[in-house]
Amino acid sequence: QVQLMESGGGLVQAGESLRLSCSASESIFNFKFVAWYHQTPGKEREFVGRIIASGSTEYADSVAGRFTISRDMAKNAVYLQMNSLKPEDTGAYYCRAARGILTLWGQGTQVTVSS
């Protein structure tokens, strides 16, 4: 069974940076894309950005210019580099992968940004 696991969350102050990792149990060559989502209590998960198989990236307007998605094929990992963090970036971050007709989700990692 394919699994995704996020890591790298933590507590930081506004303006600081964090890098989240999404590690897959199989080659990320198999995925059409890997996306990151952000969720706060009581709200729907919101799209943050994604990297597609070609390596192209897309970002939500709220994070464009601050967040960067990259990948390491050899490590089967996708990263979310978050710079200039704001208190509103606080929440759980999830990675999602599309593999054929399957949608895979990780368990999430918590990011807290203090003002």
C-alpha atoms as a PDB file:
ATOM      1  CA  GLN A   1       0.000   0.000   0.000  1.00  0.00           C
ATOM      2  CA  VAL A   2       1.421   3.352  -1.034  1.00  0.00           C
ATOM      3  CA  GLN A   3       1.921   5.763   1.824  1.00  0.00           C
ATOM      4  CA  LEU A   4       2.772   9.422   2.159  1.00  0.00           C
ATOM      5  CA  MET A   5       4.279  10.923   5.283  1.00  0.00           C
ATOM      6  CA  GLU A   6       4.749  14.593   6.047  1.00  0.00           C
ATOM      7  CA  SER A   7       7.362  15.925   8.425  1.00  0.00           C
ATOM      8  CA  GLY A   8       9.089  19.156   9.305  1.00  0.00           C
ATOM      9  CA  GLY A   9       6.332  21.045  11.036  1.00  0.00           C
ATOM     10  CA  GLY A  10       6.912  23.030  14.171  1.00  0.00           C
ATOM     11  CA  LEU A  11       6.610  26.329  15.978  1.00  0.00           C
ATOM     12  CA  VAL A  12       8.255  29.386  14.448  1.00  0.00           C
ATOM     13  CA  GLN A  13       7.934  33.139  14.700  1.00  0.00           C
ATOM     14  CA  ALA A  14       6.456  35.309  11.993  1.00  0.00           C
ATOM     15  CA  GLY A  15       8.984  35.992   9.272  1.00  0.00           C
ATOM     16  CA  GLU A  16      10.881  32.754   9.784  1.00  0.00           C
ATOM     17  CA  SER A  17      11.069  29.742   7.508  1.00  0.00           C
ATOM     18  CA  LEU A  18      10.259  26.052   7.602  1.00  0.00           C
ATOM     19  CA  ARG A  19      10.702  23.228   5.132  1.00  0.00           C
ATOM     20  CA  LEU A  20       8.140  20.482   5.097  1.00  0.00           C
ATOM     21  CA  SER A  21       8.820  17.100   3.575  1.00  0.00           C
ATOM     22  CA  CYS A  22       6.446  14.635   1.998  1.00  0.00           C
ATOM     23  CA  SER A  23       8.044  11.211   1.764  1.00  0.00           C
ATOM     24  CA  ALA A  24       6.512   8.496  -0.392  1.00  0.00           C
ATOM     25  CA  SER A  25       6.813   4.754   0.071  1.00  0.00           C
ATOM     26  CA  GLU A  26       7.375   4.329  -3.652  1.00  0.00           C
ATOM     27  CA  SER A  27       8.870   6.268  -6.512  1.00  0.00           C
ATOM     28  CA  ILE A  28       7.285   9.648  -7.075  1.00  0.00           C
ATOM     29  CA  PHE A  29       7.768   9.012 -10.786  1.00  0.00           C
ATOM     30  CA  ASN A  30       4.470   7.153 -10.429  1.00  0.00           C
ATOM     31  CA  PHE A  31       2.545  10.263  -9.420  1.00  0.00           C
ATOM     32  CA  LYS A  32       0.806  12.657 -11.793  1.00  0.00           C
ATOM     33  CA  PHE A  33       1.365  15.370  -9.232  1.00  0.00           C
ATOM     34  CA  VAL A  34       2.063  15.945  -5.554  1.00  0.00           C
ATOM     35  CA  ALA A  35       0.189  18.794  -3.936  1.00  0.00           C
ATOM     36  CA  TRP A  36       0.255  20.541  -0.590  1.00  0.00           C
ATOM     37  CA  TYR A  37      -2.833  21.613   1.318  1.00  0.00           C
ATOM     38  CA  HIS A  38      -3.369  23.741   4.400  1.00  0.00           C
ATOM     39  CA  GLN A  39      -6.128  23.249   6.916  1.00  0.00           C
ATOM     40  CA  THR A  40      -7.215  25.146  10.003  1.00  0.00           C
ATOM     41  CA  PRO A  41      -9.790  23.884  12.507  1.00  0.00           C
ATOM     42  CA  GLY A  42     -13.333  23.991  11.201  1.00  0.00           C
ATOM     43  CA  LYS A  43     -12.302  24.807   7.637  1.00  0.00           C
ATOM     44  CA  GLU A  44     -11.845  22.885   4.425  1.00  0.00           C
ATOM     45  CA  ARG A  45      -8.386  21.965   3.277  1.00  0.00           C
ATOM     46  CA  GLU A  46      -7.082  24.680   0.995  1.00  0.00           C
ATOM     47  CA  PHE A  47      -4.787  24.182  -1.942  1.00  0.00           C
ATOM     48  CA  VAL A  48      -1.305  25.574  -1.373  1.00  0.00           C
ATOM     49  CA  GLY A  49       0.545  24.389  -4.437  1.00  0.00           C
ATOM     50  CA  ARG A  50       1.635  21.399  -6.408  1.00  0.00           C
ATOM     51  CA  ILE A  51       4.399  19.975  -8.541  1.00  0.00           C
ATOM     52  CA  ILE A  52       3.341  17.969 -11.522  1.00  0.00           C
ATOM     53  CA  ALA A  53       5.169  15.108 -13.223  1.00  0.00           C
ATOM     54  CA  SER A  54       6.940  17.450 -15.637  1.00  0.00           C
ATOM     55  CA  GLY A  55       8.385  19.409 -12.732  1.00  0.00           C
ATOM     56  CA  SER A  56       6.222  22.468 -13.247  1.00  0.00           C
ATOM     57  CA  THR A  57       4.796  24.071 -10.150  1.00  0.00           C
ATOM     58  CA  GLU A  58       1.627  25.980  -9.339  1.00  0.00           C
ATOM     59  CA  TYR A  59       0.817  28.017  -6.243  1.00  0.00           C
ATOM     60  CA  ALA A  60      -2.120  29.602  -4.543  1.00  0.00           C
ATOM     61  CA  ASP A  61      -2.055  33.387  -4.678  1.00  0.00           C
ATOM     62  CA  SER A  62      -1.739  33.538  -0.899  1.00  0.00           C
ATOM     63  CA  VAL A  63       1.659  31.811  -0.925  1.00  0.00           C
ATOM     64  CA  ALA A  64       3.099  32.690  -4.338  1.00  0.00           C
ATOM     65  CA  GLY A  65       6.511  34.229  -3.896  1.00  0.00           C
ATOM     66  CA  ARG A  66       6.867  32.930  -0.344  1.00  0.00           C
ATOM     67  CA  PHE A  67       6.514  29.167  -0.732  1.00  0.00           C
ATOM     68  CA  THR A  68       8.418  26.900  -3.101  1.00  0.00           C
ATOM     69  CA  ILE A  69       7.769  23.279  -3.948  1.00  0.00           C
ATOM     70  CA  SER A  70      10.605  21.052  -5.060  1.00  0.00           C
ATOM     71  CA  ARG A  71      11.309  17.362  -5.252  1.00  0.00           C
ATOM     72  CA  ASP A  72      14.095  14.854  -4.907  1.00  0.00           C
ATOM     73  CA  MET A  73      13.327  11.885  -7.106  1.00  0.00           C
ATOM     74  CA  ALA A  74      16.134   9.817  -5.610  1.00  0.00           C
ATOM     75  CA  LYS A  75      14.651  10.228  -2.145  1.00  0.00           C
ATOM     76  CA  ASN A  76      11.026   9.909  -3.252  1.00  0.00           C
ATOM     77  CA  ALA A  77      10.354  13.194  -1.526  1.00  0.00           C
ATOM     78  CA  VAL A  78       8.605  16.456  -2.237  1.00  0.00           C
ATOM     79  CA  TYR A  79       9.357  19.556  -0.224  1.00  0.00           C
ATOM     80  CA  LEU A  80       7.483  22.692   0.688  1.00  0.00           C
ATOM     81  CA  GLN A  81       9.858  25.514   1.514  1.00  0.00           C
ATOM     82  CA  MET A  82       7.926  28.157   3.424  1.00  0.00           C
ATOM     83  CA  ASN A  83       9.546  31.551   3.829  1.00  0.00           C
ATOM     84  CA  SER A  84       8.310  34.773   5.395  1.00  0.00           C
ATOM     85  CA  LEU A  85       5.778  32.835   7.410  1.00  0.00           C
ATOM     86  CA  LYS A  86       2.718  34.633   8.717  1.00  0.00           C
ATOM     87  CA  PRO A  87       0.412  33.777  11.623  1.00  0.00           C
ATOM     88  CA  GLU A  88      -2.308  32.926   9.100  1.00  0.00           C
ATOM     89  CA  ASP A  89      -0.069  30.156   7.751  1.00  0.00           C
ATOM     90  CA  THR A  90      -0.684  28.308  11.008  1.00  0.00           C
ATOM     91  CA  GLY A  91      -2.420  24.986  10.592  1.00  0.00           C
ATOM     92  CA  ALA A  92      -1.981  21.437   9.458  1.00  0.00           C
ATOM     93  CA  TYR A  93      -0.248  20.804   6.152  1.00  0.00           C
ATOM     94  CA  TYR A  94      -1.017  17.740   4.111  1.00  0.00           C
ATOM     95  CA  CYS A  95       0.493  16.337   0.975  1.00  0.00           C
ATOM     96  CA  ARG A  96      -1.638  14.669  -1.632  1.00  0.00           C
ATOM     97  CA  ALA A  97      -0.552  12.550  -4.572  1.00  0.00           C
ATOM     98  CA  ALA A  98      -2.443  11.393  -7.628  1.00  0.00           C
ATOM     99  CA  ARG A  99      -1.485   7.909  -8.784  1.00  0.00           C
ATOM    100  CA  GLY A 100      -3.656   6.602 -11.571  1.00  0.00           C
ATOM    101  CA  ILE A 101      -7.215   6.772 -10.259  1.00  0.00           C
ATOM    102  CA  LEU A 102      -6.023   6.848  -6.672  1.00  0.00           C
ATOM    103  CA  THR A 103      -5.704   9.893  -4.466  1.00  0.00           C
ATOM    104  CA  LEU A 104      -3.307   9.507  -1.591  1.00  0.00           C
ATOM    105  CA  TRP A 105      -3.070  11.701   1.491  1.00  0.00           C
ATOM    106  CA  GLY A 106      -0.512  11.903   4.223  1.00  0.00           C
ATOM    107  CA  GLN A 107      -1.397  12.254   7.882  1.00  0.00           C
ATOM    108  CA  GLY A 108      -0.379  15.910   8.086  1.00  0.00           C
ATOM    109  CA  THR A 109       2.148  17.953   9.978  1.00  0.00           C
ATOM    110  CA  GLN A 110       1.355  20.938  12.191  1.00  0.00           C
ATOM    111  CA  VAL A 111       2.820  24.379  11.620  1.00  0.00           C
ATOM    112  CA  THR A 112       2.350  27.124  14.168  1.00  0.00           C
ATOM    113  CA  VAL A 113       3.479  30.663  13.426  1.00  0.00           C
ATOM    114  CA  SER A 114       3.512  33.043  16.358  1.00  0.00           C
ATOM    115  CA  SER A 115       3.223  36.787  15.912  1.00  0.00           C
END
